Amino acid sequence: MESRILRPTLGLYAAAFLLFLYGPMIVLTILSFQGPEGGPQFPVQDWSLYWYKQLLGLSEASRVAQLPVGDSLLRSITLAFMTTVVSTVLGVMSAEAFRTRFKGSGPAFYLIILGMMVPGVLVGLGMALLSSTLGISRAWWGTSFVLHVVYTYPFAFLVMLAIFNRFDRTVEEAALSLGVSPAQTFRRVTFPIIFPGVLSAMLFSFTLSYDEFARTLFTAGRDLTLPLAIYGTFSVEIHPNIFAFGVLTTLFSFTLLVIYGLLMKRFTNRAARFAGQEDNG
């Protein structure tokens, strides 16, 4: 009796959760197909691709200015790429160090994850005040970059820490017993095994940095990143071209996920073939 009631209840809860999670994206997608005279409200007056064309500069000038996508988008992608590289490298190195217990490992752990718990607005404001006191110019490639690393580095660290906690040390010990140096062991043995975790850490870091707003607001200087440029443009009135851009950005994110999935599948198949060769040997 309880099972008959519990299963439908959990199903309804899961459906409501998915609707709550993806409902805004569905509404955003529908409104992005408004006609030239349409706005951010229902009903849709005229279905068209006008706002996508307006976003890409393929339509005639209208009452709505184009989104500042060009330079700000390039800055956001560059900043996210820089953050991804540094945060992932630091995350792998830190997680590798925590495989062996050392004095002060507890405080060091909490100091690392502190960057993901402190509110972004407070950190951004503190960095702005510090840079003004020290006479350091605020820029997206400087002060914002530091805060993005401080924010994303703990996520990369926790991902790699979970990967290393499931790592079989005997594989490394076998390589070291054969006279292979620690550096070569990491490059040829350890890294191929932890590669899926490295990809996950990179994906986390890139996504978090790409759309970070609070930590960038006070530290980007005059050259704005994409979230700041969009906020400045539509802080008063919102037009459907922002919805079209949201749809394109979501498709870009899904593309990253597809690439991630293909790389993971390729790596898994290679690992399975290697395991089969080992068993046959």
C-alpha atoms as a PDB file:
ATOM      1  CA  MET A   1       0.000   0.000   0.000  1.00  0.00           C
ATOM      2  CA  GLU A   2       2.782   2.418   0.923  1.00  0.00           C
ATOM      3  CA  SER A   3       4.588   1.587  -2.315  1.00  0.00           C
ATOM      4  CA  ARG A   4       1.516   2.434  -4.383  1.00  0.00           C
ATOM      5  CA  ILE A   5       1.311   5.854  -2.741  1.00  0.00           C
ATOM      6  CA  LEU A   6       5.041   6.556  -2.486  1.00  0.00           C
ATOM      7  CA  ARG A   7       5.950   5.958  -6.127  1.00  0.00           C
ATOM      8  CA  PRO A   8       3.339   8.309  -7.670  1.00  0.00           C
ATOM      9  CA  THR A   9       4.203  10.913  -5.037  1.00  0.00           C
ATOM     10  CA  LEU A  10       7.908  10.738  -5.865  1.00  0.00           C
ATOM     11  CA  GLY A  11       7.077  10.827  -9.567  1.00  0.00           C
ATOM     12  CA  LEU A  12       4.992  13.980  -9.147  1.00  0.00           C
ATOM     13  CA  TYR A  13       7.724  15.535  -7.034  1.00  0.00           C
ATOM     14  CA  ALA A  14      10.357  14.748  -9.684  1.00  0.00           C
ATOM     15  CA  ALA A  15       8.121  16.150 -12.454  1.00  0.00           C
ATOM     16  CA  ALA A  16       7.469  19.324 -10.458  1.00  0.00           C
ATOM     17  CA  PHE A  17      11.176  19.717  -9.778  1.00  0.00           C
ATOM     18  CA  LEU A  18      12.065  19.331 -13.457  1.00  0.00           C
ATOM     19  CA  LEU A  19       9.346  21.801 -14.424  1.00  0.00           C
ATOM     20  CA  PHE A  20      10.643  24.293 -11.868  1.00  0.00           C
ATOM     21  CA  LEU A  21      14.199  23.758 -13.106  1.00  0.00           C
ATOM     22  CA  TYR A  22      13.579  23.959 -16.854  1.00  0.00           C
ATOM     23  CA  GLY A  23      10.379  26.015 -16.909  1.00  0.00           C
ATOM     24  CA  PRO A  24      12.163  29.392 -17.125  1.00  0.00           C
ATOM     25  CA  MET A  25      14.302  28.113 -19.995  1.00  0.00           C
ATOM     26  CA  ILE A  26      11.212  26.918 -21.856  1.00  0.00           C
ATOM     27  CA  VAL A  27       9.524  30.307 -21.427  1.00  0.00           C
ATOM     28  CA  LEU A  28      12.709  32.095 -22.489  1.00  0.00           C
ATOM     29  CA  THR A  29      12.953  29.960 -25.627  1.00  0.00           C
ATOM     30  CA  ILE A  30       9.341  30.630 -26.611  1.00  0.00           C
ATOM     31  CA  LEU A  31       9.681  34.399 -26.118  1.00  0.00           C
ATOM     32  CA  SER A  32      12.866  34.475 -28.184  1.00  0.00           C
ATOM     33  CA  PHE A  33      10.751  33.779 -31.288  1.00  0.00           C
ATOM     34  CA  GLN A  34       8.713  36.983 -30.940  1.00  0.00           C
ATOM     35  CA  GLY A  35       8.269  39.180 -33.980  1.00  0.00           C
ATOM     36  CA  PRO A  36       9.840  42.652 -34.427  1.00  0.00           C
ATOM     37  CA  GLU A  37       7.110  44.337 -32.369  1.00  0.00           C
ATOM     38  CA  GLY A  38       7.044  41.679 -29.689  1.00  0.00           C
ATOM     39  CA  GLY A  39       8.277  42.074 -26.152  1.00  0.00           C
ATOM     40  CA  PRO A  40       9.064  40.004 -23.087  1.00  0.00           C
ATOM     41  CA  GLN A  41       5.474  38.952 -22.473  1.00  0.00           C
ATOM     42  CA  PHE A  42       2.762  36.619 -23.731  1.00  0.00           C
ATOM     43  CA  PRO A  43       1.028  36.115 -26.040  1.00  0.00           C
ATOM     44  CA  VAL A  44       3.515  35.790 -28.864  1.00  0.00           C
ATOM     45  CA  GLN A  45       2.417  38.305 -31.488  1.00  0.00           C
ATOM     46  CA  ASP A  46       4.259  36.958 -34.504  1.00  0.00           C
ATOM     47  CA  TRP A  47       6.519  33.910 -34.656  1.00  0.00           C
ATOM     48  CA  SER A  48       9.838  34.701 -36.361  1.00  0.00           C
ATOM     49  CA  LEU A  49      13.619  34.533 -36.108  1.00  0.00           C
ATOM     50  CA  TYR A  50      13.878  38.318 -36.059  1.00  0.00           C
ATOM     51  CA  TRP A  51      15.630  38.630 -32.715  1.00  0.00           C
ATOM     52  CA  TYR A  52      18.203  36.011 -33.639  1.00  0.00           C
ATOM     53  CA  LYS A  53      18.929  37.914 -36.833  1.00  0.00           C
ATOM     54  CA  GLN A  54      19.048  41.175 -34.894  1.00  0.00           C
ATOM     55  CA  LEU A  55      21.469  39.627 -32.456  1.00  0.00           C
ATOM     56  CA  LEU A  56      23.754  38.478 -35.277  1.00  0.00           C
ATOM     57  CA  GLY A  57      23.472  41.781 -37.153  1.00  0.00           C
ATOM     58  CA  LEU A  58      21.558  40.232 -40.069  1.00  0.00           C
ATOM     59  CA  SER A  59      18.463  42.408 -39.789  1.00  0.00           C
ATOM     60  CA  GLU A  60      17.855  46.111 -40.293  1.00  0.00           C
ATOM     61  CA  ALA A  61      18.262  48.604 -37.479  1.00  0.00           C
ATOM     62  CA  SER A  62      15.330  48.700 -35.080  1.00  0.00           C
ATOM     63  CA  ARG A  63      14.184  50.411 -31.930  1.00  0.00           C
ATOM     64  CA  VAL A  64      16.358  48.081 -29.898  1.00  0.00           C
ATOM     65  CA  ALA A  65      20.129  48.372 -29.787  1.00  0.00           C
ATOM     66  CA  GLN A  66      22.150  45.267 -30.459  1.00  0.00           C
ATOM     67  CA  LEU A  67      23.643  43.381 -27.558  1.00  0.00           C
ATOM     68  CA  PRO A  68      27.294  44.215 -26.791  1.00  0.00           C
ATOM     69  CA  VAL A  69      28.330  40.676 -27.614  1.00  0.00           C
ATOM     70  CA  GLY A  70      31.606  41.110 -29.513  1.00  0.00           C
ATOM     71  CA  ASP A  71      34.388  42.310 -27.221  1.00  0.00           C
ATOM     72  CA  SER A  72      32.635  41.397 -23.973  1.00  0.00           C
ATOM     73  CA  LEU A  73      32.038  37.823 -25.137  1.00  0.00           C
ATOM     74  CA  LEU A  74      35.698  37.474 -26.111  1.00  0.00           C
ATOM     75  CA  ARG A  75      36.745  38.775 -22.688  1.00  0.00           C
ATOM     76  CA  SER A  76      34.455  36.334 -20.887  1.00  0.00           C
ATOM     77  CA  ILE A  77      35.703  33.348 -22.893  1.00  0.00           C
ATOM     78  CA  THR A  78      39.346  34.379 -22.446  1.00  0.00           C
ATOM     79  CA  LEU A  79      38.868  34.941 -18.721  1.00  0.00           C
ATOM     80  CA  ALA A  80      37.070  31.615 -18.338  1.00  0.00           C
ATOM     81  CA  PHE A  81      39.838  29.807 -20.248  1.00  0.00           C
ATOM     82  CA  MET A  82      42.573  31.399 -18.127  1.00  0.00           C
ATOM     83  CA  THR A  83      40.676  30.551 -14.945  1.00  0.00           C
ATOM     84  CA  THR A  84      40.091  26.970 -16.103  1.00  0.00           C
ATOM     85  CA  VAL A  85      43.771  26.319 -16.755  1.00  0.00           C
ATOM     86  CA  VAL A  86      45.011  27.772 -13.466  1.00  0.00           C
ATOM     87  CA  SER A  87      42.232  26.348 -11.285  1.00  0.00           C
ATOM     88  CA  THR A  88      42.521  22.859 -12.765  1.00  0.00           C
ATOM     89  CA  VAL A  89      46.297  22.762 -12.383  1.00  0.00           C
ATOM     90  CA  LEU A  90      46.055  23.990  -8.792  1.00  0.00           C
ATOM     91  CA  GLY A  91      43.240  21.543  -8.070  1.00  0.00           C
ATOM     92  CA  VAL A  92      45.196  18.558  -9.364  1.00  0.00           C
ATOM     93  CA  MET A  93      48.359  19.566  -7.508  1.00  0.00           C
ATOM     94  CA  SER A  94      46.515  20.230  -4.245  1.00  0.00           C
ATOM     95  CA  ALA A  95      44.526  17.002  -4.394  1.00  0.00           C
ATOM     96  CA  GLU A  96      47.749  15.105  -5.120  1.00  0.00           C
ATOM     97  CA  ALA A  97      49.335  16.685  -2.039  1.00  0.00           C
ATOM     98  CA  PHE A  98      46.357  15.737   0.161  1.00  0.00           C
ATOM     99  CA  ARG A  99      46.755  12.069  -0.720  1.00  0.00           C
ATOM    100  CA  THR A 100      49.371  11.999   2.041  1.00  0.00           C
ATOM    101  CA  ARG A 101      48.422  13.359   5.448  1.00  0.00           C
ATOM    102  CA  PHE A 102      50.686  16.179   6.536  1.00  0.00           C
ATOM    103  CA  LYS A 103      50.813  18.575   9.450  1.00  0.00           C
ATOM    104  CA  GLY A 104      48.274  21.334   9.059  1.00  0.00           C
ATOM    105  CA  SER A 105      46.276  19.515   6.380  1.00  0.00           C
ATOM    106  CA  GLY A 106      42.995  20.270   8.188  1.00  0.00           C
ATOM    107  CA  PRO A 107      43.393  24.063   8.289  1.00  0.00           C
ATOM    108  CA  ALA A 108      44.805  24.004   4.746  1.00  0.00           C
ATOM    109  CA  PHE A 109      41.717  22.155   3.504  1.00  0.00           C
ATOM    110  CA  TYR A 110      39.324  24.699   4.996  1.00  0.00           C
ATOM    111  CA  LEU A 111      41.405  27.602   3.719  1.00  0.00           C
ATOM    112  CA  ILE A 112      41.103  26.204   0.196  1.00  0.00           C
ATOM    113  CA  ILE A 113      37.339  25.721   0.272  1.00  0.00           C
ATOM    114  CA  LEU A 114      36.826  29.103   1.961  1.00  0.00           C
ATOM    115  CA  GLY A 115      36.903  30.741  -1.469  1.00  0.00           C
ATOM    116  CA  MET A 116      33.666  29.040  -2.497  1.00  0.00           C
ATOM    117  CA  MET A 117      31.795  29.917   0.705  1.00  0.00           C
ATOM    118  CA  VAL A 118      32.477  33.643   1.083  1.00  0.00           C
ATOM    119  CA  PRO A 119      29.776  35.768  -0.647  1.00  0.00           C
ATOM    120  CA  GLY A 120      30.975  37.008  -4.026  1.00  0.00           C
ATOM    121  CA  VAL A 121      29.809  40.579  -3.482  1.00  0.00           C
ATOM    122  CA  LEU A 122      31.867  40.893  -0.292  1.00  0.00           C
ATOM    123  CA  VAL A 123      34.962  39.407  -1.921  1.00  0.00           C
ATOM    124  CA  GLY A 124      34.596  41.652  -4.955  1.00  0.00           C
ATOM    125  CA  LEU A 125      34.130  44.748  -2.825  1.00  0.00           C
ATOM    126  CA  GLY A 126      37.105  43.788  -0.655  1.00  0.00           C
ATOM    127  CA  MET A 127      39.304  43.295  -3.721  1.00  0.00           C
ATOM    128  CA  ALA A 128      38.199  46.676  -5.109  1.00  0.00           C
ATOM    129  CA  LEU A 129      39.060  48.431  -1.844  1.00  0.00           C
ATOM    130  CA  LEU A 130      42.392  46.611  -1.593  1.00  0.00           C
ATOM    131  CA  SER A 131      43.382  47.439  -5.163  1.00  0.00           C
ATOM    132  CA  SER A 132      42.454  51.109  -4.610  1.00  0.00           C
ATOM    133  CA  THR A 133      44.518  51.220  -1.424  1.00  0.00           C
ATOM    134  CA  LEU A 134      47.540  49.663  -3.108  1.00  0.00           C
ATOM    135  CA  GLY A 135      47.138  51.705  -6.286  1.00  0.00           C
ATOM    136  CA  ILE A 136      46.505  48.647  -8.482  1.00  0.00           C
ATOM    137  CA  SER A 137      44.376  49.182 -11.579  1.00  0.00           C
ATOM    138  CA  ARG A 138      41.281  47.010 -11.715  1.00  0.00           C
ATOM    139  CA  ALA A 139      41.007  44.913 -14.866  1.00  0.00           C
ATOM    140  CA  TRP A 140      39.239  41.746 -15.989  1.00  0.00           C
ATOM    141  CA  TRP A 141      42.579  40.051 -16.714  1.00  0.00           C
ATOM    142  CA  GLY A 142      44.029  41.032 -13.320  1.00  0.00           C
ATOM    143  CA  THR A 143      41.871  41.569 -10.261  1.00  0.00           C
ATOM    144  CA  SER A 144      38.850  39.744 -11.710  1.00  0.00           C
ATOM    145  CA  PHE A 145      41.044  36.853 -12.794  1.00  0.00           C
ATOM    146  CA  VAL A 146      42.421  36.440  -9.263  1.00  0.00           C
ATOM    147  CA  LEU A 147      38.932  36.319  -7.756  1.00  0.00           C
ATOM    148  CA  HIS A 148      37.698  33.877 -10.392  1.00  0.00           C
ATOM    149  CA  VAL A 149      40.554  31.529  -9.554  1.00  0.00           C
ATOM    150  CA  VAL A 150      39.880  31.876  -5.828  1.00  0.00           C
ATOM    151  CA  TYR A 151      36.241  30.987  -6.501  1.00  0.00           C
ATOM    152  CA  THR A 152      36.652  28.095  -8.962  1.00  0.00           C
ATOM    153  CA  TYR A 153      39.800  26.544  -7.521  1.00  0.00           C
ATOM    154  CA  PRO A 154      37.948  24.914  -4.555  1.00  0.00           C
ATOM    155  CA  PHE A 155      35.500  23.209  -6.930  1.00  0.00           C
ATOM    156  CA  ALA A 156      38.334  21.773  -9.015  1.00  0.00           C
ATOM    157  CA  PHE A 157      40.104  20.705  -5.822  1.00  0.00           C
ATOM    158  CA  LEU A 158      37.065  18.861  -4.433  1.00  0.00           C
ATOM    159  CA  VAL A 159      36.455  17.087  -7.737  1.00  0.00           C
ATOM    160  CA  MET A 160      40.049  15.884  -7.918  1.00  0.00           C
ATOM    161  CA  LEU A 161      40.060  14.969  -4.225  1.00  0.00           C
ATOM    162  CA  ALA A 162      37.096  12.652  -4.839  1.00  0.00           C
ATOM    163  CA  ILE A 163      38.892  11.117  -7.830  1.00  0.00           C
ATOM    164  CA  PHE A 164      42.089  10.493  -5.867  1.00  0.00           C
ATOM    165  CA  ASN A 165      40.153   8.965  -2.959  1.00  0.00           C
ATOM    166  CA  ARG A 166      39.093   6.162  -5.322  1.00  0.00           C
ATOM    167  CA  PHE A 167      42.524   5.820  -6.875  1.00  0.00           C
ATOM    168  CA  ASP A 168      44.344   2.479  -6.606  1.00  0.00           C
ATOM    169  CA  ARG A 169      47.844   3.256  -5.328  1.00  0.00           C
ATOM    170  CA  THR A 170      49.155  -0.175  -6.301  1.00  0.00           C
ATOM    171  CA  VAL A 171      49.257   0.934  -9.944  1.00  0.00           C
ATOM    172  CA  GLU A 172      51.706   3.699  -9.084  1.00  0.00           C
ATOM    173  CA  GLU A 173      53.670   1.472  -6.750  1.00  0.00           C
ATOM    174  CA  ALA A 174      54.112  -1.079  -9.526  1.00  0.00           C
ATOM    175  CA  ALA A 175      55.494   1.583 -11.867  1.00  0.00           C
ATOM    176  CA  LEU A 176      57.832   2.969  -9.207  1.00  0.00           C
ATOM    177  CA  SER A 177      59.087  -0.522  -8.386  1.00  0.00           C
ATOM    178  CA  LEU A 178      60.150  -0.885 -12.019  1.00  0.00           C
ATOM    179  CA  GLY A 179      62.398   2.152 -11.717  1.00  0.00           C
ATOM    180  CA  VAL A 180      60.098   4.708 -13.345  1.00  0.00           C
ATOM    181  CA  SER A 181      60.580   8.212 -11.963  1.00  0.00           C
ATOM    182  CA  PRO A 182      57.703   9.878 -10.056  1.00  0.00           C
ATOM    183  CA  ALA A 183      57.259  12.455 -12.820  1.00  0.00           C
ATOM    184  CA  GLN A 184      56.995   9.790 -15.540  1.00  0.00           C
ATOM    185  CA  THR A 185      54.691   7.729 -13.316  1.00  0.00           C
ATOM    186  CA  PHE A 186      52.320  10.651 -12.981  1.00  0.00           C
ATOM    187  CA  ARG A 187      52.451  11.443 -16.690  1.00  0.00           C
ATOM    188  CA  ARG A 188      52.106   7.892 -18.023  1.00  0.00           C
ATOM    189  CA  VAL A 189      50.127   6.137 -15.278  1.00  0.00           C
ATOM    190  CA  THR A 190      48.353   8.511 -12.909  1.00  0.00           C
ATOM    191  CA  PHE A 191      47.183  11.215 -15.297  1.00  0.00           C
ATOM    192  CA  PRO A 192      45.483   8.894 -17.826  1.00  0.00           C
ATOM    193  CA  ILE A 193      43.511   7.343 -14.967  1.00  0.00           C
ATOM    194  CA  ILE A 194      42.415  10.649 -13.426  1.00  0.00           C
ATOM    195  CA  PHE A 195      41.741  12.276 -16.798  1.00  0.00           C
ATOM    196  CA  PRO A 196      37.914  12.060 -16.479  1.00  0.00           C
ATOM    197  CA  GLY A 197      38.160  13.966 -13.207  1.00  0.00           C
ATOM    198  CA  VAL A 198      40.391  16.564 -14.833  1.00  0.00           C
ATOM    199  CA  LEU A 199      37.766  17.088 -17.537  1.00  0.00           C
ATOM    200  CA  SER A 200      35.076  17.507 -14.885  1.00  0.00           C
ATOM    201  CA  ALA A 201      37.187  20.042 -12.997  1.00  0.00           C
ATOM    202  CA  MET A 202      37.799  21.975 -16.208  1.00  0.00           C
ATOM    203  CA  LEU A 203      34.093  22.012 -17.047  1.00  0.00           C
ATOM    204  CA  PHE A 204      33.214  23.233 -13.552  1.00  0.00           C
ATOM    205  CA  SER A 205      35.816  25.984 -13.639  1.00  0.00           C
ATOM    206  CA  PHE A 206      34.923  27.218 -17.115  1.00  0.00           C
ATOM    207  CA  THR A 207      31.181  27.324 -16.465  1.00  0.00           C
ATOM    208  CA  LEU A 208      31.489  29.063 -13.103  1.00  0.00           C
ATOM    209  CA  SER A 209      33.893  31.669 -14.443  1.00  0.00           C
ATOM    210  CA  TYR A 210      32.044  32.318 -17.710  1.00  0.00           C
ATOM    211  CA  ASP A 211      28.857  33.605 -16.083  1.00  0.00           C
ATOM    212  CA  GLU A 212      30.291  34.966 -12.820  1.00  0.00           C
ATOM    213  CA  PHE A 213      28.780  38.361 -12.021  1.00  0.00           C
ATOM    214  CA  ALA A 214      29.181  39.331  -8.358  1.00  0.00           C
ATOM    215  CA  ARG A 215      32.942  38.867  -8.138  1.00  0.00           C
ATOM    216  CA  THR A 216      33.460  40.670 -11.440  1.00  0.00           C
ATOM    217  CA  LEU A 217      31.192  43.625 -10.776  1.00  0.00           C
ATOM    218  CA  PHE A 218      33.662  45.575  -8.619  1.00  0.00           C
ATOM    219  CA  THR A 219      36.901  44.348 -10.174  1.00  0.00           C
ATOM    220  CA  ALA A 220      36.533  44.320 -13.970  1.00  0.00           C
ATOM    221  CA  GLY A 221      37.401  47.986 -14.485  1.00  0.00           C
ATOM    222  CA  ARG A 222      36.293  49.759 -17.663  1.00  0.00           C
ATOM    223  CA  ASP A 223      36.379  46.699 -19.959  1.00  0.00           C
ATOM    224  CA  LEU A 224      33.269  44.705 -19.099  1.00  0.00           C
ATOM    225  CA  THR A 225      32.734  40.978 -19.363  1.00  0.00           C
ATOM    226  CA  LEU A 226      29.593  39.625 -20.999  1.00  0.00           C
ATOM    227  CA  PRO A 227      27.387  39.323 -17.859  1.00  0.00           C
ATOM    228  CA  LEU A 228      28.226  42.904 -16.870  1.00  0.00           C
ATOM    229  CA  ALA A 229      27.618  44.224 -20.388  1.00  0.00           C
ATOM    230  CA  ILE A 230      24.225  42.521 -20.597  1.00  0.00           C
ATOM    231  CA  TYR A 231      23.236  43.775 -17.160  1.00  0.00           C
ATOM    232  CA  GLY A 232      24.220  47.323 -18.050  1.00  0.00           C
ATOM    233  CA  THR A 233      22.282  47.205 -21.301  1.00  0.00           C
ATOM    234  CA  PHE A 234      19.067  45.757 -19.889  1.00  0.00           C
ATOM    235  CA  SER A 235      19.026  47.091 -16.344  1.00  0.00           C
ATOM    236  CA  VAL A 236      16.017  49.265 -17.268  1.00  0.00           C
ATOM    237  CA  GLU A 237      14.136  47.392 -20.007  1.00  0.00           C
ATOM    238  CA  ILE A 238      14.390  43.855 -21.351  1.00  0.00           C
ATOM    239  CA  HIS A 239      13.900  42.952 -24.998  1.00  0.00           C
ATOM    240  CA  PRO A 240      13.581  39.525 -26.679  1.00  0.00           C
ATOM    241  CA  ASN A 241      17.094  39.639 -28.124  1.00  0.00           C
ATOM    242  CA  ILE A 242      18.392  38.817 -24.633  1.00  0.00           C
ATOM    243  CA  PHE A 243      16.217  35.703 -24.747  1.00  0.00           C
ATOM    244  CA  ALA A 244      17.659  34.756 -28.120  1.00  0.00           C
ATOM    245  CA  PHE A 245      21.140  35.191 -26.724  1.00  0.00           C
ATOM    246  CA  GLY A 246      20.191  33.038 -23.724  1.00  0.00           C
ATOM    247  CA  VAL A 247      19.073  30.242 -26.051  1.00  0.00           C
ATOM    248  CA  LEU A 248      22.329  30.427 -28.025  1.00  0.00           C
ATOM    249  CA  THR A 249      24.366  30.430 -24.812  1.00  0.00           C
ATOM    250  CA  THR A 250      22.472  27.385 -23.575  1.00  0.00           C
ATOM    251  CA  LEU A 251      23.162  25.583 -26.851  1.00  0.00           C
ATOM    252  CA  PHE A 252      26.834  26.443 -26.411  1.00  0.00           C
ATOM    253  CA  SER A 253      26.750  24.935 -22.911  1.00  0.00           C
ATOM    254  CA  PHE A 254      25.067  21.789 -24.215  1.00  0.00           C
ATOM    255  CA  THR A 255      27.747  21.584 -26.908  1.00  0.00           C
ATOM    256  CA  LEU A 256      30.409  21.607 -24.201  1.00  0.00           C
ATOM    257  CA  LEU A 257      28.545  18.829 -22.416  1.00  0.00           C
ATOM    258  CA  VAL A 258      28.347  16.784 -25.622  1.00  0.00           C
ATOM    259  CA  ILE A 259      32.084  17.228 -26.195  1.00  0.00           C
ATOM    260  CA  TYR A 260      32.690  16.221 -22.596  1.00  0.00           C
ATOM    261  CA  GLY A 261      30.507  13.144 -23.015  1.00  0.00           C
ATOM    262  CA  LEU A 262      32.278  12.106 -26.230  1.00  0.00           C
ATOM    263  CA  LEU A 263      35.693  12.492 -24.611  1.00  0.00           C
ATOM    264  CA  MET A 264      34.532  10.491 -21.611  1.00  0.00           C
ATOM    265  CA  LYS A 265      33.118   7.760 -23.839  1.00  0.00           C
ATOM    266  CA  ARG A 266      36.334   7.590 -25.834  1.00  0.00           C
ATOM    267  CA  PHE A 267      38.380   7.395 -22.666  1.00  0.00           C
ATOM    268  CA  THR A 268      36.093   4.717 -21.185  1.00  0.00           C
ATOM    269  CA  ASN A 269      36.307   2.589 -24.331  1.00  0.00           C
ATOM    270  CA  ARG A 270      40.080   2.901 -24.360  1.00  0.00           C
ATOM    271  CA  ALA A 271      40.265   1.919 -20.690  1.00  0.00           C
ATOM    272  CA  ALA A 272      37.983  -1.061 -21.336  1.00  0.00           C
ATOM    273  CA  ARG A 273      40.166  -2.237 -24.237  1.00  0.00           C
ATOM    274  CA  PHE A 274      43.268  -1.852 -22.076  1.00  0.00           C
ATOM    275  CA  ALA A 275      41.644  -3.860 -19.278  1.00  0.00           C
ATOM    276  CA  GLY A 276      40.674  -6.576 -21.773  1.00  0.00           C
ATOM    277  CA  GLN A 277      44.241  -6.811 -23.044  1.00  0.00           C
ATOM    278  CA  GLU A 278      45.476  -7.114 -19.470  1.00  0.00           C
ATOM    279  CA  ASP A 279      43.025  -9.930 -18.738  1.00  0.00           C
ATOM    280  CA  ASN A 280      43.977 -11.777 -21.901  1.00  0.00           C
ATOM    281  CA  GLY A 281      47.638 -11.402 -21.053  1.00  0.00           C
END
